Amino acid sequence: MAPTVDVDDFQQRAARFAQVQIRSEQSAFRDAVFRAYDGRCAVSGCNVPEALEAAHLAGRDWRKGHNRVTDGILLRRDLHTLYDRGLLQISDAGQVELSSEARPYYAEFNGRTVANSSVA
């Protein structure tokens, strides 16, 4: 017996799928940022590729075409999440500044100077 299909549920899921924004430049951006940081997280120094993500710098938006290597920073996944949520910030001087919520768990990074990319 074939499973019954809830047409309304399918329509809702299809609508959500259609809303996902496709980022055609994502692969090239990720590769360029990975190479610019020599495959190491700018904050932690982690070099496990599966744990790293190319993050857009604060104020840069891929929707507005900010997809050049200079628009990004390579971060470990958990640090990327903290960065995107504003719990980890990078000062103009390149210092890591952690929120009071994140500091107890990530204290080793607070005040650390981030690594620069090899791109000027």
N, C-alpha and C. Protein backbone atom coordinates (compact mmCIF):
# COMPACT_ATOMS: atom_id res chain seq x y z
N MET A 1 0.84 -1.18 0.00
CA MET A 1 0.00 0.00 0.00
C MET A 1 0.89 1.24 0.00
N ALA A 2 0.64 2.15 -0.89
CA ALA A 2 1.43 3.38 -0.99
C ALA A 2 1.08 4.32 0.15
N PRO A 3 2.09 5.02 0.67
CA PRO A 3 1.81 5.97 1.75
C PRO A 3 0.95 7.11 1.24
N THR A 4 0.09 7.62 2.10
CA THR A 4 -0.73 8.76 1.70
C THR A 4 0.11 10.03 1.78
N VAL A 5 -0.16 10.91 0.87
CA VAL A 5 0.58 12.16 0.80
C VAL A 5 -0.33 13.29 1.25
N ASP A 6 0.11 14.03 2.26
CA ASP A 6 -0.61 15.21 2.71
C ASP A 6 -0.23 16.34 1.77
N VAL A 7 -1.12 16.70 0.87
CA VAL A 7 -0.83 17.69 -0.16
C VAL A 7 -0.47 19.04 0.46
N ASP A 8 -1.19 19.45 1.52
CA ASP A 8 -0.89 20.74 2.16
C ASP A 8 0.51 20.74 2.76
N ASP A 9 0.89 19.63 3.43
CA ASP A 9 2.23 19.54 4.02
C ASP A 9 3.29 19.60 2.93
N PHE A 10 3.06 18.89 1.83
CA PHE A 10 4.01 18.90 0.72
C PHE A 10 4.14 20.30 0.14
N GLN A 11 3.04 20.99 -0.02
CA GLN A 11 3.07 22.35 -0.57
C GLN A 11 3.86 23.29 0.35
N GLN A 12 3.68 23.12 1.67
CA GLN A 12 4.42 23.96 2.62
C GLN A 12 5.92 23.67 2.53
N ARG A 13 6.28 22.39 2.46
CA ARG A 13 7.69 22.03 2.37
C ARG A 13 8.29 22.53 1.06
N ALA A 14 7.53 22.41 -0.02
CA ALA A 14 8.01 22.89 -1.33
C ALA A 14 8.21 24.40 -1.30
N ALA A 15 7.32 25.11 -0.64
CA ALA A 15 7.45 26.57 -0.54
C ALA A 15 8.69 26.94 0.26
N ARG A 16 8.96 26.22 1.35
CA ARG A 16 10.16 26.49 2.16
C ARG A 16 11.41 26.19 1.35
N PHE A 17 11.38 25.10 0.58
CA PHE A 17 12.53 24.74 -0.25
C PHE A 17 12.80 25.84 -1.28
N ALA A 18 11.77 26.38 -1.86
CA ALA A 18 11.92 27.41 -2.88
C ALA A 18 12.47 28.71 -2.30
N GLN A 19 12.30 28.92 -1.00
CA GLN A 19 12.79 30.14 -0.38
C GLN A 19 14.27 30.10 -0.04
N VAL A 20 14.86 28.91 -0.08
CA VAL A 20 16.28 28.80 0.23
C VAL A 20 17.06 29.52 -0.85
N GLN A 21 17.87 30.47 -0.44
CA GLN A 21 18.62 31.25 -1.40
C GLN A 21 19.85 30.48 -1.86
N ILE A 22 19.98 30.38 -3.14
CA ILE A 22 21.10 29.66 -3.72
C ILE A 22 22.30 30.59 -3.79
N ARG A 23 23.42 30.08 -3.32
CA ARG A 23 24.64 30.88 -3.28
C ARG A 23 25.62 30.28 -4.28
N SER A 24 25.50 30.70 -5.52
CA SER A 24 26.33 30.14 -6.57
C SER A 24 27.81 30.41 -6.36
N GLU A 25 28.13 31.50 -5.67
CA GLU A 25 29.54 31.85 -5.45
C GLU A 25 30.12 31.19 -4.21
N GLN A 26 29.32 30.46 -3.44
CA GLN A 26 29.75 29.94 -2.15
C GLN A 26 30.98 29.06 -2.25
N SER A 27 31.02 28.16 -3.19
CA SER A 27 32.14 27.24 -3.32
C SER A 27 33.44 27.99 -3.62
N ALA A 28 33.39 28.93 -4.55
CA ALA A 28 34.58 29.70 -4.91
C ALA A 28 35.03 30.58 -3.74
N PHE A 29 34.07 31.18 -3.03
CA PHE A 29 34.37 32.02 -1.87
C PHE A 29 35.05 31.18 -0.79
N ARG A 30 34.48 30.02 -0.49
CA ARG A 30 35.03 29.16 0.55
C ARG A 30 36.46 28.74 0.19
N ASP A 31 36.66 28.33 -1.04
CA ASP A 31 37.99 27.90 -1.48
C ASP A 31 39.00 29.04 -1.39
N ALA A 32 38.61 30.23 -1.84
CA ALA A 32 39.53 31.37 -1.83
C ALA A 32 39.90 31.77 -0.40
N VAL A 33 38.92 31.78 0.51
CA VAL A 33 39.19 32.14 1.90
C VAL A 33 40.05 31.07 2.56
N PHE A 34 39.75 29.80 2.29
CA PHE A 34 40.55 28.69 2.84
C PHE A 34 42.02 28.85 2.44
N ARG A 35 42.25 29.12 1.17
CA ARG A 35 43.62 29.28 0.67
C ARG A 35 44.29 30.53 1.24
N ALA A 36 43.55 31.62 1.36
CA ALA A 36 44.11 32.87 1.87
C ALA A 36 44.58 32.74 3.32
N TYR A 37 43.94 31.86 4.07
CA TYR A 37 44.32 31.65 5.47
C TYR A 37 45.14 30.37 5.65
N ASP A 38 45.69 29.89 4.54
CA ASP A 38 46.53 28.69 4.55
C ASP A 38 45.86 27.52 5.27
N GLY A 39 44.53 27.44 5.15
CA GLY A 39 43.79 26.33 5.71
C GLY A 39 43.76 26.30 7.23
N ARG A 40 43.92 27.44 7.88
CA ARG A 40 43.92 27.52 9.35
C ARG A 40 42.92 28.57 9.83
N CYS A 41 42.19 28.21 10.88
CA CYS A 41 41.27 29.16 11.51
C CYS A 41 42.05 30.39 11.95
N ALA A 42 41.54 31.56 11.63
CA ALA A 42 42.21 32.81 11.97
C ALA A 42 42.28 33.06 13.47
N VAL A 43 41.42 32.40 14.24
CA VAL A 43 41.39 32.60 15.69
C VAL A 43 42.10 31.46 16.42
N SER A 44 41.73 30.22 16.10
CA SER A 44 42.23 29.07 16.87
C SER A 44 43.45 28.40 16.26
N GLY A 45 43.66 28.59 14.96
CA GLY A 45 44.76 27.91 14.27
C GLY A 45 44.40 26.50 13.83
N CYS A 46 43.16 26.05 14.09
CA CYS A 46 42.72 24.71 13.69
C CYS A 46 42.93 24.53 12.20
N ASN A 47 43.46 23.36 11.81
CA ASN A 47 43.68 23.10 10.38
C ASN A 47 42.94 21.86 9.88
N VAL A 48 41.86 21.48 10.54
CA VAL A 48 41.04 20.36 10.12
C VAL A 48 39.99 20.90 9.14
N PRO A 49 40.12 20.62 7.85
CA PRO A 49 39.22 21.23 6.86
C PRO A 49 37.74 21.04 7.17
N GLU A 50 37.39 19.87 7.69
CA GLU A 50 35.97 19.60 7.97
C GLU A 50 35.42 20.45 9.12
N ALA A 51 36.29 21.06 9.89
CA ALA A 51 35.86 21.89 11.02
C ALA A 51 35.88 23.37 10.70
N LEU A 52 36.24 23.72 9.47
CA LEU A 52 36.43 25.13 9.10
C LEU A 52 35.34 25.63 8.16
N GLU A 53 35.03 26.91 8.31
CA GLU A 53 34.06 27.55 7.43
C GLU A 53 34.55 28.94 7.05
N ALA A 54 34.22 29.34 5.85
CA ALA A 54 34.52 30.70 5.41
C ALA A 54 33.38 31.59 5.88
N ALA A 55 33.69 32.54 6.71
CA ALA A 55 32.69 33.47 7.24
C ALA A 55 32.82 34.82 6.55
N HIS A 56 31.71 35.46 6.34
CA HIS A 56 31.75 36.84 5.83
C HIS A 56 32.06 37.77 7.00
N LEU A 57 32.96 38.69 6.77
CA LEU A 57 33.30 39.68 7.79
C LEU A 57 32.07 40.54 8.12
N ALA A 58 32.04 41.06 9.33
CA ALA A 58 30.95 41.93 9.74
C ALA A 58 30.79 43.06 8.73
N GLY A 59 29.57 43.30 8.35
CA GLY A 59 29.29 44.36 7.38
C GLY A 59 29.36 43.92 5.94
N ARG A 60 29.79 42.69 5.69
CA ARG A 60 29.86 42.17 4.33
C ARG A 60 28.70 41.21 4.14
N ASP A 61 28.04 41.26 3.00
CA ASP A 61 26.84 40.47 2.75
C ASP A 61 26.92 39.83 1.38
N TRP A 62 26.87 38.51 1.36
CA TRP A 62 26.97 37.81 0.08
C TRP A 62 25.84 38.20 -0.86
N ARG A 63 24.68 38.60 -0.32
CA ARG A 63 23.55 38.99 -1.15
C ARG A 63 23.84 40.27 -1.93
N LYS A 64 24.79 41.06 -1.41
CA LYS A 64 25.16 42.32 -2.06
C LYS A 64 26.43 42.16 -2.89
N GLY A 65 26.84 40.92 -3.13
CA GLY A 65 28.00 40.67 -3.97
C GLY A 65 29.33 40.71 -3.26
N HIS A 66 29.31 40.70 -1.93
CA HIS A 66 30.55 40.73 -1.17
C HIS A 66 31.09 39.30 -1.07
N ASN A 67 31.65 38.83 -2.14
CA ASN A 67 32.12 37.45 -2.19
C ASN A 67 33.59 37.34 -2.61
N ARG A 68 34.32 38.42 -2.44
CA ARG A 68 35.75 38.38 -2.72
C ARG A 68 36.45 37.82 -1.49
N VAL A 69 37.65 37.34 -1.67
CA VAL A 69 38.40 36.75 -0.57
C VAL A 69 38.58 37.76 0.56
N THR A 70 38.70 39.04 0.23
CA THR A 70 38.89 40.07 1.26
C THR A 70 37.61 40.33 2.06
N ASP A 71 36.50 39.75 1.65
CA ASP A 71 35.23 39.88 2.38
C ASP A 71 35.09 38.80 3.45
N GLY A 72 36.06 37.90 3.54
CA GLY A 72 35.89 36.76 4.42
C GLY A 72 37.02 36.51 5.39
N ILE A 73 36.75 35.58 6.30
CA ILE A 73 37.72 35.12 7.30
C ILE A 73 37.45 33.64 7.52
N LEU A 74 38.51 32.86 7.72
CA LEU A 74 38.35 31.43 7.94
C LEU A 74 38.23 31.17 9.44
N LEU A 75 37.14 30.54 9.83
CA LEU A 75 36.89 30.27 11.24
C LEU A 75 36.47 28.82 11.46
N ARG A 76 36.81 28.31 12.63
CA ARG A 76 36.30 27.01 13.06
C ARG A 76 34.79 27.15 13.18
N ARG A 77 34.05 26.09 12.90
CA ARG A 77 32.59 26.16 12.86
C ARG A 77 31.97 26.80 14.11
N ASP A 78 32.41 26.36 15.29
CA ASP A 78 31.81 26.91 16.51
C ASP A 78 32.13 28.39 16.66
N LEU A 79 33.32 28.80 16.27
CA LEU A 79 33.69 30.21 16.35
C LEU A 79 32.93 31.03 15.32
N HIS A 80 32.67 30.44 14.16
CA HIS A 80 31.86 31.10 13.13
C HIS A 80 30.46 31.39 13.67
N THR A 81 29.88 30.41 14.35
CA THR A 81 28.56 30.61 14.93
C THR A 81 28.56 31.73 15.96
N LEU A 82 29.56 31.73 16.84
CA LEU A 82 29.68 32.80 17.83
C LEU A 82 29.83 34.15 17.14
N TYR A 83 30.63 34.19 16.09
CA TYR A 83 30.87 35.44 15.33
C TYR A 83 29.57 35.95 14.72
N ASP A 84 28.84 35.05 14.07
CA ASP A 84 27.59 35.44 13.42
C ASP A 84 26.55 35.91 14.43
N ARG A 85 26.60 35.39 15.64
CA ARG A 85 25.62 35.76 16.69
C ARG A 85 26.09 36.95 17.53
N GLY A 86 27.27 37.49 17.22
CA GLY A 86 27.78 38.65 17.94
C GLY A 86 28.39 38.32 19.29
N LEU A 87 28.62 37.04 19.56
CA LEU A 87 29.22 36.62 20.83
C LEU A 87 30.74 36.64 20.76
N LEU A 88 31.26 36.68 19.55
CA LEU A 88 32.69 36.83 19.30
C LEU A 88 32.82 37.97 18.30
N GLN A 89 33.56 38.98 18.66
CA GLN A 89 33.78 40.10 17.77
C GLN A 89 35.28 40.27 17.55
N ILE A 90 35.62 40.91 16.46
CA ILE A 90 37.01 41.19 16.16
C ILE A 90 37.15 42.70 16.06
N SER A 91 37.98 43.25 16.93
CA SER A 91 38.15 44.71 16.97
C SER A 91 38.88 45.19 15.72
N ASP A 92 38.88 46.49 15.53
CA ASP A 92 39.60 47.08 14.40
C ASP A 92 41.09 46.76 14.47
N ALA A 93 41.59 46.53 15.69
CA ALA A 93 43.01 46.19 15.88
C ALA A 93 43.26 44.69 15.68
N GLY A 94 42.19 43.94 15.37
CA GLY A 94 42.34 42.51 15.12
C GLY A 94 42.34 41.65 16.37
N GLN A 95 41.79 42.18 17.46
CA GLN A 95 41.74 41.44 18.71
C GLN A 95 40.38 40.77 18.87
N VAL A 96 40.39 39.53 19.36
CA VAL A 96 39.15 38.81 19.64
C VAL A 96 38.55 39.36 20.92
N GLU A 97 37.27 39.67 20.86
CA GLU A 97 36.53 40.15 22.02
C GLU A 97 35.32 39.24 22.21
N LEU A 98 35.29 38.51 23.32
CA LEU A 98 34.21 37.58 23.60
C LEU A 98 33.17 38.19 24.53
N SER A 99 31.92 37.82 24.30
CA SER A 99 30.85 38.26 25.19
C SER A 99 31.00 37.56 26.53
N SER A 100 30.31 38.09 27.53
CA SER A 100 30.37 37.47 28.86
C SER A 100 29.79 36.06 28.84
N GLU A 101 28.84 35.78 27.94
CA GLU A 101 28.26 34.44 27.84
C GLU A 101 29.25 33.42 27.30
N ALA A 102 30.06 33.83 26.34
CA ALA A 102 30.99 32.92 25.69
C ALA A 102 32.33 32.81 26.40
N ARG A 103 32.70 33.85 27.12
CA ARG A 103 34.03 33.91 27.74
C ARG A 103 34.37 32.71 28.63
N PRO A 104 33.46 32.22 29.48
CA PRO A 104 33.83 31.09 30.34
C PRO A 104 34.24 29.83 29.55
N TYR A 105 33.71 29.69 28.35
CA TYR A 105 33.97 28.49 27.55
C TYR A 105 35.07 28.69 26.51
N TYR A 106 35.33 29.93 26.16
CA TYR A 106 36.29 30.23 25.10
C TYR A 106 37.35 31.24 25.56
N ALA A 107 37.60 31.29 26.85
CA ALA A 107 38.51 32.28 27.44
C ALA A 107 39.88 32.30 26.78
N GLU A 108 40.35 31.15 26.32
CA GLU A 108 41.68 31.09 25.71
C GLU A 108 41.82 31.98 24.48
N PHE A 109 40.70 32.33 23.87
CA PHE A 109 40.74 33.15 22.65
C PHE A 109 40.53 34.63 22.92
N ASN A 110 40.02 34.98 24.09
CA ASN A 110 39.72 36.39 24.39
C ASN A 110 41.03 37.20 24.38
N GLY A 111 41.06 38.25 23.59
CA GLY A 111 42.25 39.10 23.49
C GLY A 111 43.27 38.63 22.49
N ARG A 112 43.07 37.46 21.92
CA ARG A 112 44.01 36.93 20.92
C ARG A 112 43.94 37.76 19.65
N THR A 113 45.06 37.95 19.02
CA THR A 113 45.12 38.64 17.74
C THR A 113 44.85 37.61 16.63
N VAL A 114 43.92 37.94 15.76
CA VAL A 114 43.58 37.02 14.68
C VAL A 114 44.69 37.01 13.63
N ALA A 115 44.84 35.86 13.00
CA ALA A 115 45.81 35.73 11.91
C ALA A 115 45.32 36.51 10.70
N ASN A 116 46.23 37.10 10.00
CA ASN A 116 45.92 37.80 8.76
C ASN A 116 45.91 36.83 7.60
N SER A 117 45.14 37.15 6.60
CA SER A 117 45.15 36.32 5.39
C SER A 117 46.41 36.65 4.59
N SER A 118 46.72 35.80 3.65
CA SER A 118 47.88 36.04 2.79
C SER A 118 47.54 36.99 1.65
N VAL A 119 46.29 37.47 1.64
CA VAL A 119 45.83 38.41 0.61
C VAL A 119 45.90 39.81 1.19
N ALA A 120 46.52 40.69 0.49
CA ALA A 120 46.64 42.08 0.98
C ALA A 120 45.41 42.87 0.67
